C-alpha atoms as a PDB file:
ATOM      1  CA  MET A   1     150.037 120.920 141.490  1.00  0.00           C
ATOM      2  CA  ILE A   2     148.322 117.808 142.875  1.00  0.00           C
ATOM      3  CA  ARG A   3     145.292 119.547 142.876  1.00  0.00           C
ATOM      4  CA  LEU A   4     145.323 120.220 139.271  1.00  0.00           C
ATOM      5  CA  VAL A   5     145.929 116.415 138.554  1.00  0.00           C
ATOM      6  CA  ARG A   6     143.204 115.435 140.530  1.00  0.00           C
ATOM      7  CA  TRP A   7     140.971 118.194 138.836  1.00  0.00           C
ATOM      8  CA  THR A   8     142.129 116.922 135.292  1.00  0.00           C
ATOM      9  CA  ALA A   9     141.621 113.218 136.105  1.00  0.00           C
ATOM     10  CA  GLY A  10     138.182 113.795 137.535  1.00  0.00           C
ATOM     11  CA  VAL A  11     137.089 115.613 134.378  1.00  0.00           C
ATOM     12  CA  SER A  12     138.879 113.254 131.961  1.00  0.00           C
ATOM     13  CA  GLY A  13     137.001 110.380 133.908  1.00  0.00           C
ATOM     14  CA  LEU A  14     133.765 111.992 133.679  1.00  0.00           C
ATOM     15  CA  LEU A  15     134.114 112.563 129.828  1.00  0.00           C
ATOM     16  CA  VAL A  16     135.248 109.202 129.362  1.00  0.00           C
ATOM     17  CA  ALA A  17     131.876 107.946 131.477  1.00  0.00           C
ATOM     18  CA  ALA A  18     130.072 110.369 129.007  1.00  0.00           C
ATOM     19  CA  LEU A  19     131.624 108.897 126.164  1.00  0.00           C
ATOM     20  CA  ALA A  20     130.841 105.297 127.115  1.00  0.00           C
ATOM     21  CA  LEU A  21     127.348 105.880 128.055  1.00  0.00           C
ATOM     22  CA  HIS A  22     126.650 107.689 124.481  1.00  0.00           C
ATOM     23  CA  VAL A  23     128.479 104.761 122.746  1.00  0.00           C
ATOM     24  CA  TYR A  24     126.193 102.369 124.718  1.00  0.00           C
ATOM     25  CA  TRP A  25     122.986 104.610 124.044  1.00  0.00           C
ATOM     26  CA  VAL A  26     123.732 104.722 120.007  1.00  0.00           C
ATOM     27  CA  THR A  27     124.743 100.986 119.730  1.00  0.00           C
ATOM     28  CA  ARG A  28     122.186  99.262 121.752  1.00  0.00           C
ATOM     29  CA  PRO A  29     119.978  97.123 119.775  1.00  0.00           C
ATOM     30  CA  GLY A  30     116.093  98.015 119.793  1.00  0.00           C
ATOM     31  CA  LYS A  31     113.124  97.350 117.557  1.00  0.00           C
ATOM     32  CA  PRO A  32     113.003  98.878 114.150  1.00  0.00           C
ATOM     33  CA  ASP A  33     110.934 101.992 113.581  1.00  0.00           C
ATOM     34  CA  ALA A  34     109.881 103.817 110.398  1.00  0.00           C
ATOM     35  CA  HIS A  35     113.471 105.065 109.811  1.00  0.00           C
ATOM     36  CA  THR A  36     115.447 101.453 110.296  1.00  0.00           C
ATOM     37  CA  LEU A  37     116.759 100.286 107.157  1.00  0.00           C
ATOM     38  CA  ALA A  38     117.838  96.427 106.796  1.00  0.00           C
ATOM     39  CA  MET A  39     119.934  94.708 103.927  1.00  0.00           C
ATOM     40  CA  ALA A  40     119.072  91.530 102.504  1.00  0.00           C
ATOM     41  CA  ARG A  41     120.670  89.277 100.072  1.00  0.00           C
ATOM     42  CA  PHE A  42     119.285  86.599  97.223  1.00  0.00           C
ATOM     43  CA  ASP A  43     121.199  84.225  95.525  1.00  0.00           C
ATOM     44  CA  LEU A  44     119.639  83.812  91.989  1.00  0.00           C
ATOM     45  CA  PRO A  45     119.665  80.887  90.190  1.00  0.00           C
ATOM     46  CA  SER A  46     122.714  80.667  87.449  1.00  0.00           C
ATOM     47  CA  ARG A  47     120.618  78.767  85.289  1.00  0.00           C
ATOM     48  CA  ALA A  48     117.947  81.381  84.782  1.00  0.00           C
ATOM     49  CA  PRO A  49     118.502  83.827  82.267  1.00  0.00           C
ATOM     50  CA  LEU A  50     117.710  86.831  84.221  1.00  0.00           C
ATOM     51  CA  ASP A  51     118.698  90.513  82.806  1.00  0.00           C
ATOM     52  CA  SER A  52     120.243  92.440  85.676  1.00  0.00           C
ATOM     53  CA  ALA A  53     118.742  95.745  84.692  1.00  0.00           C
ATOM     54  CA  GLU A  54     115.358  94.091  84.477  1.00  0.00           C
ATOM     55  CA  VAL A  55     115.732  92.649  87.818  1.00  0.00           C
ATOM     56  CA  MET A  56     116.776  95.817  89.424  1.00  0.00           C
ATOM     57  CA  GLY A  57     113.850  97.806  87.730  1.00  0.00           C
ATOM     58  CA  TRP A  58     111.585  94.801  89.302  1.00  0.00           C
ATOM     59  CA  PHE A  59     113.306  95.782  92.941  1.00  0.00           C
ATOM     60  CA  SER A  60     112.783  99.561  92.394  1.00  0.00           C
ATOM     61  CA  ARG A  61     109.109  99.011  91.898  1.00  0.00           C
ATOM     62  CA  GLN A  62     108.557  97.114  94.884  1.00  0.00           C
ATOM     63  CA  PRO A  63     106.873  98.939  97.972  1.00  0.00           C
ATOM     64  CA  GLY A  64     109.374  99.363 101.104  1.00  0.00           C
ATOM     65  CA  LEU A  65     112.573  98.581  99.167  1.00  0.00           C
ATOM     66  CA  THR A  66     115.020 101.768  98.875  1.00  0.00           C
ATOM     67  CA  HIS A  67     117.852 100.457  96.649  1.00  0.00           C
ATOM     68  CA  ALA A  68     119.151  97.212  94.891  1.00  0.00           C
ATOM     69  CA  LEU A  69     122.134  96.109  93.472  1.00  0.00           C
ATOM     70  CA  VAL A  70     122.380  93.004  90.997  1.00  0.00           C
ATOM     71  CA  ASN A  71     125.389  91.319  89.991  1.00  0.00           C
ATOM     72  CA  PRO A  72     125.150  89.109  86.890  1.00  0.00           C
ATOM     73  CA  ARG A  73     128.263  87.419  87.021  1.00  0.00           C
ATOM     74  CA  THR A  74     127.967  86.297  90.579  1.00  0.00           C
ATOM     75  CA  HIS A  75     123.732  85.840  90.564  1.00  0.00           C
ATOM     76  CA  ILE A  76     123.797  87.971  93.680  1.00  0.00           C
ATOM     77  CA  ALA A  77     121.107  90.680  94.441  1.00  0.00           C
ATOM     78  CA  VAL A  78     121.397  92.778  97.235  1.00  0.00           C
ATOM     79  CA  PHE A  79     118.966  95.398  98.581  1.00  0.00           C
ATOM     80  CA  THR A  80     117.729  97.298 101.486  1.00  0.00           C
ATOM     81  CA  TYR A  81     114.155  97.700 102.493  1.00  0.00           C
ATOM     82  CA  TYR A  82     112.215  99.243 105.827  1.00  0.00           C
ATOM     83  CA  PRO A  83     111.391  96.089 107.698  1.00  0.00           C
ATOM     84  CA  VAL A  84     108.392  97.784 109.268  1.00  0.00           C
ATOM     85  CA  ARG A  85     106.975  98.220 105.872  1.00  0.00           C
ATOM     86  CA  VAL A  86     107.932  94.769 104.093  1.00  0.00           C
ATOM     87  CA  SER A  87     109.826  91.829 105.124  1.00  0.00           C
ATOM     88  CA  ALA A  88     112.533  90.122 103.046  1.00  0.00           C
ATOM     89  CA  ASP A  89     110.874  86.771 103.013  1.00  0.00           C
ATOM     90  CA  SER A  90     107.763  88.319 101.568  1.00  0.00           C
ATOM     91  CA  VAL A  91     110.062  90.328  98.724  1.00  0.00           C
ATOM     92  CA  LEU A  92     111.316  86.683  97.903  1.00  0.00           C
ATOM     93  CA  ALA A  93     108.256  85.189  97.437  1.00  0.00           C
ATOM     94  CA  HIS A  94     107.045  87.971  95.128  1.00  0.00           C
ATOM     95  CA  PHE A  95     110.176  87.835  93.319  1.00  0.00           C
ATOM     96  CA  ASN A  96     110.189  83.980  92.598  1.00  0.00           C
ATOM     97  CA  GLN A  97     106.641  84.034  91.577  1.00  0.00           C
ATOM     98  CA  ALA A  98     107.424  87.081  89.416  1.00  0.00           C
ATOM     99  CA  TYR A  99     110.277  85.299  87.408  1.00  0.00           C
ATOM    100  CA  GLY A 100     109.323  81.619  88.068  1.00  0.00           C
ATOM    101  CA  VAL A 101     112.579  80.839  89.409  1.00  0.00           C
ATOM    102  CA  ARG A 102     113.771  79.631  92.779  1.00  0.00           C
ATOM    103  CA  ALA A 103     115.851  82.356  94.273  1.00  0.00           C
ATOM    104  CA  SER A 104     116.958  81.870  97.733  1.00  0.00           C
ATOM    105  CA  ARG A 105     117.668  84.270 100.770  1.00  0.00           C
ATOM    106  CA  VAL A 106     121.261  84.244 102.557  1.00  0.00           C
ATOM    107  CA  VAL A 107     120.724  84.784 106.250  1.00  0.00           C
ATOM    108  CA  PRO A 108     124.279  85.086 107.947  1.00  0.00           C
ATOM    109  CA  GLY A 109     124.554  83.362 111.011  1.00  0.00           C
ATOM    110  CA  GLU A 110     126.355  84.592 114.134  1.00  0.00           C
ATOM    111  CA  GLU A 111     129.615  83.748 113.132  1.00  0.00           C
ATOM    112  CA  ASP A 112     129.175  85.178 109.691  1.00  0.00           C
ATOM    113  CA  LEU A 113     128.129  88.419 111.129  1.00  0.00           C
ATOM    114  CA  LEU A 114     131.261  88.828 113.229  1.00  0.00           C
ATOM    115  CA  SER A 115     133.796  87.703 110.668  1.00  0.00           C
ATOM    116  CA  GLY A 116     132.028  89.844 107.905  1.00  0.00           C
ATOM    117  CA  CYS A 117     131.441  92.974 110.089  1.00  0.00           C
ATOM    118  CA  PRO A 118     133.891  96.137 109.853  1.00  0.00           C
ATOM    119  CA  VAL A 119     133.787  96.108 113.710  1.00  0.00           C
ATOM    120  CA  ALA A 120     134.481  92.478 114.024  1.00  0.00           C
ATOM    121  CA  GLY A 121     135.268  90.676 117.389  1.00  0.00           C
ATOM    122  CA  THR A 122     139.120  91.302 117.033  1.00  0.00           C
ATOM    123  CA  SER A 123     138.840  94.956 116.502  1.00  0.00           C
ATOM    124  CA  ARG A 124     139.657  97.572 119.217  1.00  0.00           C
ATOM    125  CA  THR A 125     135.944  99.223 118.987  1.00  0.00           C
ATOM    126  CA  TYR A 126     134.368  96.041 119.266  1.00  0.00           C
ATOM    127  CA  ARG A 127     136.049  95.255 122.668  1.00  0.00           C
ATOM    128  CA  VAL A 128     135.442  98.615 123.758  1.00  0.00           C
ATOM    129  CA  VAL A 129     131.862  98.401 123.001  1.00  0.00           C
ATOM    130  CA  GLN A 130     131.621  95.295 124.698  1.00  0.00           C
ATOM    131  CA  SER A 131     133.399  96.448 127.650  1.00  0.00           C
ATOM    132  CA  ILE A 132     130.787  99.112 127.861  1.00  0.00           C
ATOM    133  CA  ARG A 133     127.857  96.921 127.560  1.00  0.00           C
ATOM    134  CA  ARG A 134     129.274  94.518 130.387  1.00  0.00           C
ATOM    135  CA  LEU A 135     128.925  97.860 132.652  1.00  0.00           C
ATOM    136  CA  PHE A 136     125.636  98.423 132.037  1.00  0.00           C
END
């Protein structure tokens, strides 16, 4: 009986270690590659009469951008892009030049990322990942 308990504890320990290694390997930060997608947000000037469908069309014609959403009520544009092909700052410059406006890019700070992330610092998953990172 004691032998079975030891064997079960050993196998369970190995499985937990394998899971921890997998979580670390998948979530570790790295350089963007050709498959990395990033998201950016622009705040559009509220005084500028921009048609949201036209702005979304402009985003869809830009190389390196994959998807865009524009909210006409809040004057916010959000898009995804491949950072190895284009930078969000260059998209902003081209957008401001094309429409003659002063849109601004919103870059969240560290605190904003933690509070807005679904895996926030208060969640169990975040604490588990941080514990695993401390081990390695």
